[in-house]
Amino acid sequence: MPLPSLQTVIARHQFRAKHSLGQHFLLDLNLTAKIASIAGDLAGRQVVEVGPGPGGLTRALLQTAAAHVTAIEIDPRGVAAAEELAAHYPGRLTVVAGDAMKLDVVALVPGPRQIVANLPYNVGTPLLIGWLRQAAAFERLTLMFQEEVAQRIVAAPGTSAYGRLAVLAQWTCTAALALRIPPEAFTPPPKVHSAVVRLLPHAEQPTPALLSAMERVTHHAFGQRRKMLRAALKPLGGEAFLGRAGIEPTRRAETLTVAEFDRLARLLLEGAQPEA
């Protein structure tokens, strides 16, 4: 039995994108193939996709040399469509019906693992932050976001998009914009452009304790962006804390490099350690 077209799948399962699920379906198979290629050589890799919808990107991933694809879908229509697709690729596709926000991908899928996904707009950022906490477990993450979010991930210090997300992403990974996609490529078209970000985790990753310290530092630093760091970081020691790090207290969070935030996080962790 031949593989049905995406249009047939959409009609059969009454696929109308749900705003509540942040759904915008990418049906252009040339584009989905391009996204799969951005992930690099997937031979022997375990690939995780979140929110496959009608299965456009899923098909592209299954046409690579990936060892296995695991599709996580919260929408029952998407689950049914993915299970239908799995029948055409025996042993290559596993469908997990569930909320990706509540699933531990690392426990679910063995390594070497990658995530390749057109993320639902409404949960893209929290999903990414959760995966960054486990960055050492991934070989690569190839993720599509609203372009505004993608720009925030790769932003440089001193730019308006630079903030907590940029620091956390670039502290744990090398992040780069790989592809910009116009609204008309989607069904239904969103009001904004989308972009694919490729994240390559660094060989050395922070310990859970250091990661927690970084999250505290960035939370306070960017929580009051217009304030000087001496005021924003007052709960962590203010001027004295910044002085120990060699950072001018009148600077603002968006001017600090990732390396300077790393220095602050390590200093905070050091100060939290009990004395020997």
C-alpha atoms as a PDB file:
ATOM      1  CA  MET A   1       0.000   0.000   0.000  1.00  0.00           C
ATOM      2  CA  PRO A   2       1.590   3.340  -1.043  1.00  0.00           C
ATOM      3  CA  LEU A   3       2.295   6.087   1.465  1.00  0.00           C
ATOM      4  CA  PRO A   4      -0.627   8.558   1.430  1.00  0.00           C
ATOM      5  CA  SER A   5       0.071  12.216   0.651  1.00  0.00           C
ATOM      6  CA  LEU A   6       0.133  14.711   3.488  1.00  0.00           C
ATOM      7  CA  GLN A   7      -3.051  16.266   2.086  1.00  0.00           C
ATOM      8  CA  THR A   8      -4.770  12.861   2.336  1.00  0.00           C
ATOM      9  CA  VAL A   9      -3.567  12.448   5.926  1.00  0.00           C
ATOM     10  CA  ILE A  10      -4.859  15.923   6.843  1.00  0.00           C
ATOM     11  CA  ALA A  11      -8.268  15.202   5.331  1.00  0.00           C
ATOM     12  CA  ARG A  12      -8.518  11.724   6.863  1.00  0.00           C
ATOM     13  CA  HIS A  13      -7.698  12.870  10.391  1.00  0.00           C
ATOM     14  CA  GLN A  14      -9.487  16.223  10.122  1.00  0.00           C
ATOM     15  CA  PHE A  15      -6.291  18.129  10.827  1.00  0.00           C
ATOM     16  CA  ARG A  16      -7.066  21.723  11.627  1.00  0.00           C
ATOM     17  CA  ALA A  17      -4.259  23.391  13.502  1.00  0.00           C
ATOM     18  CA  LYS A  18      -5.180  24.124  17.110  1.00  0.00           C
ATOM     19  CA  HIS A  19      -4.116  27.519  18.411  1.00  0.00           C
ATOM     20  CA  SER A  20      -4.152  26.125  21.955  1.00  0.00           C
ATOM     21  CA  LEU A  21      -1.397  23.669  20.955  1.00  0.00           C
ATOM     22  CA  GLY A  22       0.650  26.276  19.080  1.00  0.00           C
ATOM     23  CA  GLN A  23       0.301  24.280  15.859  1.00  0.00           C
ATOM     24  CA  HIS A  24       1.505  25.423  12.427  1.00  0.00           C
ATOM     25  CA  PHE A  25       2.093  22.557  10.016  1.00  0.00           C
ATOM     26  CA  LEU A  26       5.030  22.488   7.606  1.00  0.00           C
ATOM     27  CA  LEU A  27       3.915  20.524   4.562  1.00  0.00           C
ATOM     28  CA  ASP A  28       6.587  21.463   1.995  1.00  0.00           C
ATOM     29  CA  LEU A  29       8.593  18.233   1.677  1.00  0.00           C
ATOM     30  CA  ASN A  30      11.538  20.108   0.157  1.00  0.00           C
ATOM     31  CA  LEU A  31      11.745  22.232   3.300  1.00  0.00           C
ATOM     32  CA  THR A  32      11.333  19.296   5.677  1.00  0.00           C
ATOM     33  CA  ALA A  33      14.122  17.478   3.827  1.00  0.00           C
ATOM     34  CA  LYS A  34      16.315  20.572   4.201  1.00  0.00           C
ATOM     35  CA  ILE A  35      15.678  20.694   7.954  1.00  0.00           C
ATOM     36  CA  ALA A  36      16.560  17.009   8.268  1.00  0.00           C
ATOM     37  CA  SER A  37      19.793  17.670   6.359  1.00  0.00           C
ATOM     38  CA  ILE A  38      20.717  20.525   8.741  1.00  0.00           C
ATOM     39  CA  ALA A  39      20.898  17.903  11.490  1.00  0.00           C
ATOM     40  CA  GLY A  40      23.878  16.392   9.683  1.00  0.00           C
ATOM     41  CA  ASP A  41      24.619  12.715   9.196  1.00  0.00           C
ATOM     42  CA  LEU A  42      22.000  10.859  11.233  1.00  0.00           C
ATOM     43  CA  ALA A  43      23.361   7.379  10.488  1.00  0.00           C
ATOM     44  CA  GLY A  44      23.057   5.232  13.602  1.00  0.00           C
ATOM     45  CA  ARG A  45      21.408   8.038  15.584  1.00  0.00           C
ATOM     46  CA  GLN A  46      18.294   7.909  17.713  1.00  0.00           C
ATOM     47  CA  VAL A  47      16.212  10.905  16.645  1.00  0.00           C
ATOM     48  CA  VAL A  48      13.462  12.486  18.722  1.00  0.00           C
ATOM     49  CA  GLU A  49      10.778  14.643  17.122  1.00  0.00           C
ATOM     50  CA  VAL A  50       8.280  16.645  19.172  1.00  0.00           C
ATOM     51  CA  GLY A  51       4.903  17.575  17.696  1.00  0.00           C
ATOM     52  CA  PRO A  52       5.000  15.743  14.333  1.00  0.00           C
ATOM     53  CA  GLY A  53       1.453  16.774  13.376  1.00  0.00           C
ATOM     54  CA  PRO A  54       0.574  15.308   9.957  1.00  0.00           C
ATOM     55  CA  GLY A  55       4.125  13.983   9.663  1.00  0.00           C
ATOM     56  CA  GLY A  56       5.949  16.140   7.094  1.00  0.00           C
ATOM     57  CA  LEU A  57       9.224  16.341   9.027  1.00  0.00           C
ATOM     58  CA  THR A  58       8.768  12.768  10.291  1.00  0.00           C
ATOM     59  CA  ARG A  59       8.832  11.500   6.712  1.00  0.00           C
ATOM     60  CA  ALA A  60      12.010  13.441   5.997  1.00  0.00           C
ATOM     61  CA  LEU A  61      13.691  11.987   9.091  1.00  0.00           C
ATOM     62  CA  LEU A  62      12.648   8.456   8.152  1.00  0.00           C
ATOM     63  CA  GLN A  63      14.244   8.936   4.745  1.00  0.00           C
ATOM     64  CA  THR A  64      17.635   9.540   6.392  1.00  0.00           C
ATOM     65  CA  ALA A  65      19.934   6.840   7.733  1.00  0.00           C
ATOM     66  CA  ALA A  66      18.727   7.423  11.317  1.00  0.00           C
ATOM     67  CA  ALA A  67      18.646   4.203  13.327  1.00  0.00           C
ATOM     68  CA  HIS A  68      15.255   5.081  14.795  1.00  0.00           C
ATOM     69  CA  VAL A  69      12.816   7.974  15.104  1.00  0.00           C
ATOM     70  CA  THR A  70      10.691   8.574  18.200  1.00  0.00           C
ATOM     71  CA  ALA A  71       7.775  10.956  17.660  1.00  0.00           C
ATOM     72  CA  ILE A  72       6.185  12.557  20.742  1.00  0.00           C
ATOM     73  CA  GLU A  73       2.695  13.887  20.129  1.00  0.00           C
ATOM     74  CA  ILE A  74       0.051  15.236  22.498  1.00  0.00           C
ATOM     75  CA  ASP A  75      -2.686  15.630  19.847  1.00  0.00           C
ATOM     76  CA  PRO A  76      -4.665  12.373  19.288  1.00  0.00           C
ATOM     77  CA  ARG A  77      -4.971  13.221  15.582  1.00  0.00           C
ATOM     78  CA  GLY A  78      -1.200  13.452  15.306  1.00  0.00           C
ATOM     79  CA  VAL A  79      -0.791  10.193  17.199  1.00  0.00           C
ATOM     80  CA  ALA A  80      -3.123   8.420  14.759  1.00  0.00           C
ATOM     81  CA  ALA A  81      -1.314   9.914  11.746  1.00  0.00           C
ATOM     82  CA  ALA A  82       2.110   8.941  13.127  1.00  0.00           C
ATOM     83  CA  GLU A  83       0.991   5.392  13.908  1.00  0.00           C
ATOM     84  CA  GLU A  84      -0.283   5.129  10.337  1.00  0.00           C
ATOM     85  CA  LEU A  85       3.125   6.279   9.113  1.00  0.00           C
ATOM     86  CA  ALA A  86       4.902   3.799  11.407  1.00  0.00           C
ATOM     87  CA  ALA A  87       3.180   0.944   9.579  1.00  0.00           C
ATOM     88  CA  HIS A  88       5.003   1.981   6.395  1.00  0.00           C
ATOM     89  CA  TYR A  89       8.381   1.974   8.204  1.00  0.00           C
ATOM     90  CA  PRO A  90       8.396  -1.239  10.287  1.00  0.00           C
ATOM     91  CA  GLY A  91      10.729  -0.986  13.262  1.00  0.00           C
ATOM     92  CA  ARG A  92      11.898   2.564  12.416  1.00  0.00           C
ATOM     93  CA  LEU A  93       9.284   4.765  14.088  1.00  0.00           C
ATOM     94  CA  THR A  94       7.994   4.729  17.653  1.00  0.00           C
ATOM     95  CA  VAL A  95       5.009   6.922  18.519  1.00  0.00           C
ATOM     96  CA  VAL A  96       4.728   8.233  22.087  1.00  0.00           C
ATOM     97  CA  ALA A  97       1.360   9.719  22.991  1.00  0.00           C
ATOM     98  CA  GLY A  98       2.080  12.307  25.647  1.00  0.00           C
ATOM     99  CA  ASP A  99       3.147  15.785  26.692  1.00  0.00           C
ATOM    100  CA  ALA A 100       6.818  16.437  25.874  1.00  0.00           C
ATOM    101  CA  MET A 101       6.921  18.910  28.756  1.00  0.00           C
ATOM    102  CA  LYS A 102       6.376  16.010  31.155  1.00  0.00           C
ATOM    103  CA  LEU A 103       8.621  13.430  29.483  1.00  0.00           C
ATOM    104  CA  ASP A 104      12.313  12.756  30.092  1.00  0.00           C
ATOM    105  CA  VAL A 105      13.644  12.304  26.569  1.00  0.00           C
ATOM    106  CA  VAL A 106      16.995  11.041  27.852  1.00  0.00           C
ATOM    107  CA  ALA A 107      15.315   8.226  29.805  1.00  0.00           C
ATOM    108  CA  LEU A 108      12.953   7.510  26.913  1.00  0.00           C
ATOM    109  CA  VAL A 109      15.474   7.169  24.084  1.00  0.00           C
ATOM    110  CA  PRO A 110      18.962   5.589  24.155  1.00  0.00           C
ATOM    111  CA  GLY A 111      22.022   7.361  22.765  1.00  0.00           C
ATOM    112  CA  PRO A 112      23.530   8.577  20.605  1.00  0.00           C
ATOM    113  CA  ARG A 113      20.502  10.857  20.426  1.00  0.00           C
ATOM    114  CA  GLN A 114      19.481  14.024  18.638  1.00  0.00           C
ATOM    115  CA  ILE A 115      16.332  16.132  18.692  1.00  0.00           C
ATOM    116  CA  VAL A 116      15.012  17.433  15.378  1.00  0.00           C
ATOM    117  CA  ALA A 117      11.686  19.228  15.665  1.00  0.00           C
ATOM    118  CA  ASN A 118       9.364  21.979  14.527  1.00  0.00           C
ATOM    119  CA  LEU A 119       8.446  22.918  18.074  1.00  0.00           C
ATOM    120  CA  PRO A 120       4.940  24.071  19.004  1.00  0.00           C
ATOM    121  CA  TYR A 121       5.168  27.846  19.436  1.00  0.00           C
ATOM    122  CA  ASN A 122       3.640  27.889  22.900  1.00  0.00           C
ATOM    123  CA  VAL A 123       6.132  25.494  24.566  1.00  0.00           C
ATOM    124  CA  GLY A 124       9.297  25.886  22.478  1.00  0.00           C
ATOM    125  CA  THR A 125      11.259  27.969  24.999  1.00  0.00           C
ATOM    126  CA  PRO A 126      10.522  25.893  28.140  1.00  0.00           C
ATOM    127  CA  LEU A 127      11.266  22.691  26.214  1.00  0.00           C
ATOM    128  CA  LEU A 128      14.625  24.089  25.120  1.00  0.00           C
ATOM    129  CA  ILE A 129      15.577  25.196  28.635  1.00  0.00           C
ATOM    130  CA  GLY A 130      14.761  21.731  29.944  1.00  0.00           C
ATOM    131  CA  TRP A 131      16.953  20.103  27.289  1.00  0.00           C
ATOM    132  CA  LEU A 132      19.813  22.544  27.926  1.00  0.00           C
ATOM    133  CA  ARG A 133      19.911  21.240  31.491  1.00  0.00           C
ATOM    134  CA  GLN A 134      20.679  17.830  29.971  1.00  0.00           C
ATOM    135  CA  ALA A 135      22.829  19.082  27.081  1.00  0.00           C
ATOM    136  CA  ALA A 136      25.549  16.482  27.654  1.00  0.00           C
ATOM    137  CA  ALA A 137      23.038  13.774  26.724  1.00  0.00           C
ATOM    138  CA  PHE A 138      22.519  15.130  23.187  1.00  0.00           C
ATOM    139  CA  GLU A 139      24.774  15.072  20.164  1.00  0.00           C
ATOM    140  CA  ARG A 140      22.888  17.919  18.485  1.00  0.00           C
ATOM    141  CA  LEU A 141      19.567  19.765  18.637  1.00  0.00           C
ATOM    142  CA  THR A 142      18.018  21.076  15.414  1.00  0.00           C
ATOM    143  CA  LEU A 143      14.957  23.081  16.419  1.00  0.00           C
ATOM    144  CA  MET A 144      12.498  25.402  14.742  1.00  0.00           C
ATOM    145  CA  PHE A 145      11.085  28.376  16.656  1.00  0.00           C
ATOM    146  CA  GLN A 146       9.376  31.658  15.944  1.00  0.00           C
ATOM    147  CA  GLU A 147      12.135  33.815  14.509  1.00  0.00           C
ATOM    148  CA  GLU A 148      12.001  36.179  17.490  1.00  0.00           C
ATOM    149  CA  VAL A 149      12.791  33.279  19.832  1.00  0.00           C
ATOM    150  CA  ALA A 150      15.509  31.975  17.506  1.00  0.00           C
ATOM    151  CA  GLN A 151      17.140  35.424  17.498  1.00  0.00           C
ATOM    152  CA  ARG A 152      17.067  35.468  21.296  1.00  0.00           C
ATOM    153  CA  ILE A 153      18.918  32.140  21.396  1.00  0.00           C
ATOM    154  CA  VAL A 154      21.807  33.281  19.180  1.00  0.00           C
ATOM    155  CA  ALA A 155      21.912  36.966  20.250  1.00  0.00           C
ATOM    156  CA  ALA A 156      25.226  38.670  21.021  1.00  0.00           C
ATOM    157  CA  PRO A 157      25.895  40.803  24.112  1.00  0.00           C
ATOM    158  CA  GLY A 158      24.827  44.422  23.728  1.00  0.00           C
ATOM    159  CA  THR A 159      21.896  43.636  21.429  1.00  0.00           C
ATOM    160  CA  SER A 160      18.231  44.019  22.312  1.00  0.00           C
ATOM    161  CA  ALA A 161      17.575  40.283  21.880  1.00  0.00           C
ATOM    162  CA  TYR A 162      20.360  39.274  24.283  1.00  0.00           C
ATOM    163  CA  GLY A 163      19.059  37.909  27.544  1.00  0.00           C
ATOM    164  CA  ARG A 164      18.807  34.907  29.807  1.00  0.00           C
ATOM    165  CA  LEU A 165      17.958  32.487  26.997  1.00  0.00           C
ATOM    166  CA  ALA A 166      21.041  33.491  24.989  1.00  0.00           C
ATOM    167  CA  VAL A 167      23.325  33.069  27.999  1.00  0.00           C
ATOM    168  CA  LEU A 168      21.986  29.628  28.942  1.00  0.00           C
ATOM    169  CA  ALA A 169      22.014  28.396  25.333  1.00  0.00           C
ATOM    170  CA  GLN A 170      25.482  29.696  24.461  1.00  0.00           C
ATOM    171  CA  TRP A 171      26.971  28.661  27.811  1.00  0.00           C
ATOM    172  CA  THR A 172      26.032  25.022  27.144  1.00  0.00           C
ATOM    173  CA  CYS A 173      26.110  24.924  23.323  1.00  0.00           C
ATOM    174  CA  THR A 174      27.395  26.488  20.159  1.00  0.00           C
ATOM    175  CA  ALA A 175      24.231  28.025  18.688  1.00  0.00           C
ATOM    176  CA  ALA A 176      23.674  29.173  15.110  1.00  0.00           C
ATOM    177  CA  LEU A 177      20.770  30.199  12.897  1.00  0.00           C
ATOM    178  CA  ALA A 178      20.607  27.665  10.083  1.00  0.00           C
ATOM    179  CA  LEU A 179      17.450  28.499   8.114  1.00  0.00           C
ATOM    180  CA  ARG A 180      14.771  31.207   7.966  1.00  0.00           C
ATOM    181  CA  ILE A 181      11.281  30.140   6.864  1.00  0.00           C
ATOM    182  CA  PRO A 182       8.480  32.516   5.738  1.00  0.00           C
ATOM    183  CA  PRO A 183       4.927  32.312   7.117  1.00  0.00           C
ATOM    184  CA  GLU A 184       3.457  31.113   3.806  1.00  0.00           C
ATOM    185  CA  ALA A 185       5.381  27.845   4.090  1.00  0.00           C
ATOM    186  CA  PHE A 186       3.049  26.797   6.919  1.00  0.00           C
ATOM    187  CA  THR A 187      -0.565  25.730   7.225  1.00  0.00           C
ATOM    188  CA  PRO A 188      -2.070  27.875   8.638  1.00  0.00           C
ATOM    189  CA  PRO A 189       0.460  30.688   8.077  1.00  0.00           C
ATOM    190  CA  PRO A 190       1.636  32.204  11.369  1.00  0.00           C
ATOM    191  CA  LYS A 191       1.935  35.982  11.658  1.00  0.00           C
ATOM    192  CA  VAL A 192       5.719  35.794  11.928  1.00  0.00           C
ATOM    193  CA  HIS A 193       8.705  34.161  10.255  1.00  0.00           C
ATOM    194  CA  SER A 194      10.202  31.019  11.750  1.00  0.00           C
ATOM    195  CA  ALA A 195      13.825  29.965  11.968  1.00  0.00           C
ATOM    196  CA  VAL A 196      15.794  26.785  12.539  1.00  0.00           C
ATOM    197  CA  VAL A 197      18.524  26.873  15.183  1.00  0.00           C
ATOM    198  CA  ARG A 198      21.287  24.286  15.352  1.00  0.00           C
ATOM    199  CA  LEU A 199      22.750  23.695  18.814  1.00  0.00           C
ATOM    200  CA  LEU A 200      25.935  21.676  19.338  1.00  0.00           C
ATOM    201  CA  PRO A 201      26.519  20.924  23.041  1.00  0.00           C
ATOM    202  CA  HIS A 202      29.991  21.773  24.344  1.00  0.00           C
ATOM    203  CA  ALA A 203      32.245  18.854  25.251  1.00  0.00           C
ATOM    204  CA  GLU A 204      32.370  20.077  28.858  1.00  0.00           C
ATOM    205  CA  GLN A 205      29.061  20.750  30.575  1.00  0.00           C
ATOM    206  CA  PRO A 206      28.327  22.430  33.914  1.00  0.00           C
ATOM    207  CA  THR A 207      27.502  20.361  36.960  1.00  0.00           C
ATOM    208  CA  PRO A 208      23.896  20.530  38.195  1.00  0.00           C
ATOM    209  CA  ALA A 209      25.035  22.778  41.055  1.00  0.00           C
ATOM    210  CA  LEU A 210      26.810  25.194  38.701  1.00  0.00           C
ATOM    211  CA  LEU A 211      23.827  25.195  36.362  1.00  0.00           C
ATOM    212  CA  SER A 212      21.587  26.098  39.285  1.00  0.00           C
ATOM    213  CA  ALA A 213      23.939  28.946  40.204  1.00  0.00           C
ATOM    214  CA  MET A 214      23.877  30.252  36.612  1.00  0.00           C
ATOM    215  CA  GLU A 215      20.085  30.157  36.580  1.00  0.00           C
ATOM    216  CA  ARG A 216      20.017  32.212  39.794  1.00  0.00           C
ATOM    217  CA  VAL A 217      22.495  34.772  38.467  1.00  0.00           C
ATOM    218  CA  THR A 218      20.709  35.231  35.132  1.00  0.00           C
ATOM    219  CA  HIS A 219      17.302  35.317  36.803  1.00  0.00           C
ATOM    220  CA  HIS A 220      18.309  38.275  38.959  1.00  0.00           C
ATOM    221  CA  ALA A 221      20.466  39.993  36.341  1.00  0.00           C
ATOM    222  CA  PHE A 222      17.834  40.022  33.594  1.00  0.00           C
ATOM    223  CA  GLY A 223      14.834  40.260  35.914  1.00  0.00           C
ATOM    224  CA  GLN A 224      15.431  44.017  36.114  1.00  0.00           C
ATOM    225  CA  ARG A 225      17.129  44.791  32.804  1.00  0.00           C
ATOM    226  CA  ARG A 226      17.109  48.569  33.180  1.00  0.00           C
ATOM    227  CA  LYS A 227      18.845  48.498  36.525  1.00  0.00           C
ATOM    228  CA  MET A 228      22.578  48.512  37.038  1.00  0.00           C
ATOM    229  CA  LEU A 229      23.962  45.163  38.105  1.00  0.00           C
ATOM    230  CA  ARG A 230      24.741  46.408  41.600  1.00  0.00           C
ATOM    231  CA  ALA A 231      20.989  46.782  42.161  1.00  0.00           C
ATOM    232  CA  ALA A 232      19.809  43.797  40.123  1.00  0.00           C
ATOM    233  CA  LEU A 233      22.253  41.444  41.868  1.00  0.00           C
ATOM    234  CA  LYS A 234      21.754  42.895  45.341  1.00  0.00           C
ATOM    235  CA  PRO A 235      20.140  39.632  46.577  1.00  0.00           C
ATOM    236  CA  LEU A 236      23.381  37.825  45.652  1.00  0.00           C
ATOM    237  CA  GLY A 237      25.743  40.337  47.216  1.00  0.00           C
ATOM    238  CA  GLY A 238      25.506  43.381  44.968  1.00  0.00           C
ATOM    239  CA  GLU A 239      28.634  45.506  44.614  1.00  0.00           C
ATOM    240  CA  ALA A 240      30.783  43.256  46.798  1.00  0.00           C
ATOM    241  CA  PHE A 241      29.829  40.207  44.723  1.00  0.00           C
ATOM    242  CA  LEU A 242      30.554  42.021  41.454  1.00  0.00           C
ATOM    243  CA  GLY A 243      33.823  43.384  42.830  1.00  0.00           C
ATOM    244  CA  ARG A 244      35.044  39.879  43.612  1.00  0.00           C
ATOM    245  CA  ALA A 245      34.284  38.958  39.983  1.00  0.00           C
ATOM    246  CA  GLY A 246      36.088  42.017  38.644  1.00  0.00           C
ATOM    247  CA  ILE A 247      32.921  43.378  37.020  1.00  0.00           C
ATOM    248  CA  GLU A 248      32.028  47.069  37.121  1.00  0.00           C
ATOM    249  CA  PRO A 249      28.854  47.372  39.250  1.00  0.00           C
ATOM    250  CA  THR A 250      27.361  50.124  37.073  1.00  0.00           C
ATOM    251  CA  ARG A 251      27.137  47.840  34.032  1.00  0.00           C
ATOM    252  CA  ARG A 252      23.829  46.312  32.935  1.00  0.00           C
ATOM    253  CA  ALA A 253      23.118  42.632  32.337  1.00  0.00           C
ATOM    254  CA  GLU A 254      22.895  42.866  28.548  1.00  0.00           C
ATOM    255  CA  THR A 255      26.517  44.071  28.337  1.00  0.00           C
ATOM    256  CA  LEU A 256      28.027  41.026  30.053  1.00  0.00           C
ATOM    257  CA  THR A 257      29.559  38.255  27.969  1.00  0.00           C
ATOM    258  CA  VAL A 258      28.731  34.607  28.546  1.00  0.00           C
ATOM    259  CA  ALA A 259      32.227  34.201  30.018  1.00  0.00           C
ATOM    260  CA  GLU A 260      31.507  36.941  32.573  1.00  0.00           C
ATOM    261  CA  PHE A 261      28.239  35.284  33.550  1.00  0.00           C
ATOM    262  CA  ASP A 262      30.177  32.032  33.926  1.00  0.00           C
ATOM    263  CA  ARG A 263      32.563  33.825  36.306  1.00  0.00           C
ATOM    264  CA  LEU A 264      29.640  35.085  38.390  1.00  0.00           C
ATOM    265  CA  ALA A 265      27.974  31.671  38.522  1.00  0.00           C
ATOM    266  CA  ARG A 266      31.198  29.982  39.667  1.00  0.00           C
ATOM    267  CA  LEU A 267      31.746  32.676  42.279  1.00  0.00           C
ATOM    268  CA  LEU A 268      28.196  32.245  43.560  1.00  0.00           C
ATOM    269  CA  LEU A 269      28.656  28.472  43.757  1.00  0.00           C
ATOM    270  CA  GLU A 270      32.009  28.878  45.502  1.00  0.00           C
ATOM    271  CA  GLY A 271      30.431  31.151  48.090  1.00  0.00           C
ATOM    272  CA  ALA A 272      27.656  28.616  48.677  1.00  0.00           C
ATOM    273  CA  GLN A 273      30.123  25.820  49.511  1.00  0.00           C
ATOM    274  CA  PRO A 274      30.611  25.016  53.192  1.00  0.00           C
ATOM    275  CA  GLU A 275      34.051  25.892  54.539  1.00  0.00           C
ATOM    276  CA  ALA A 276      36.482  22.998  54.909  1.00  0.00           C
END
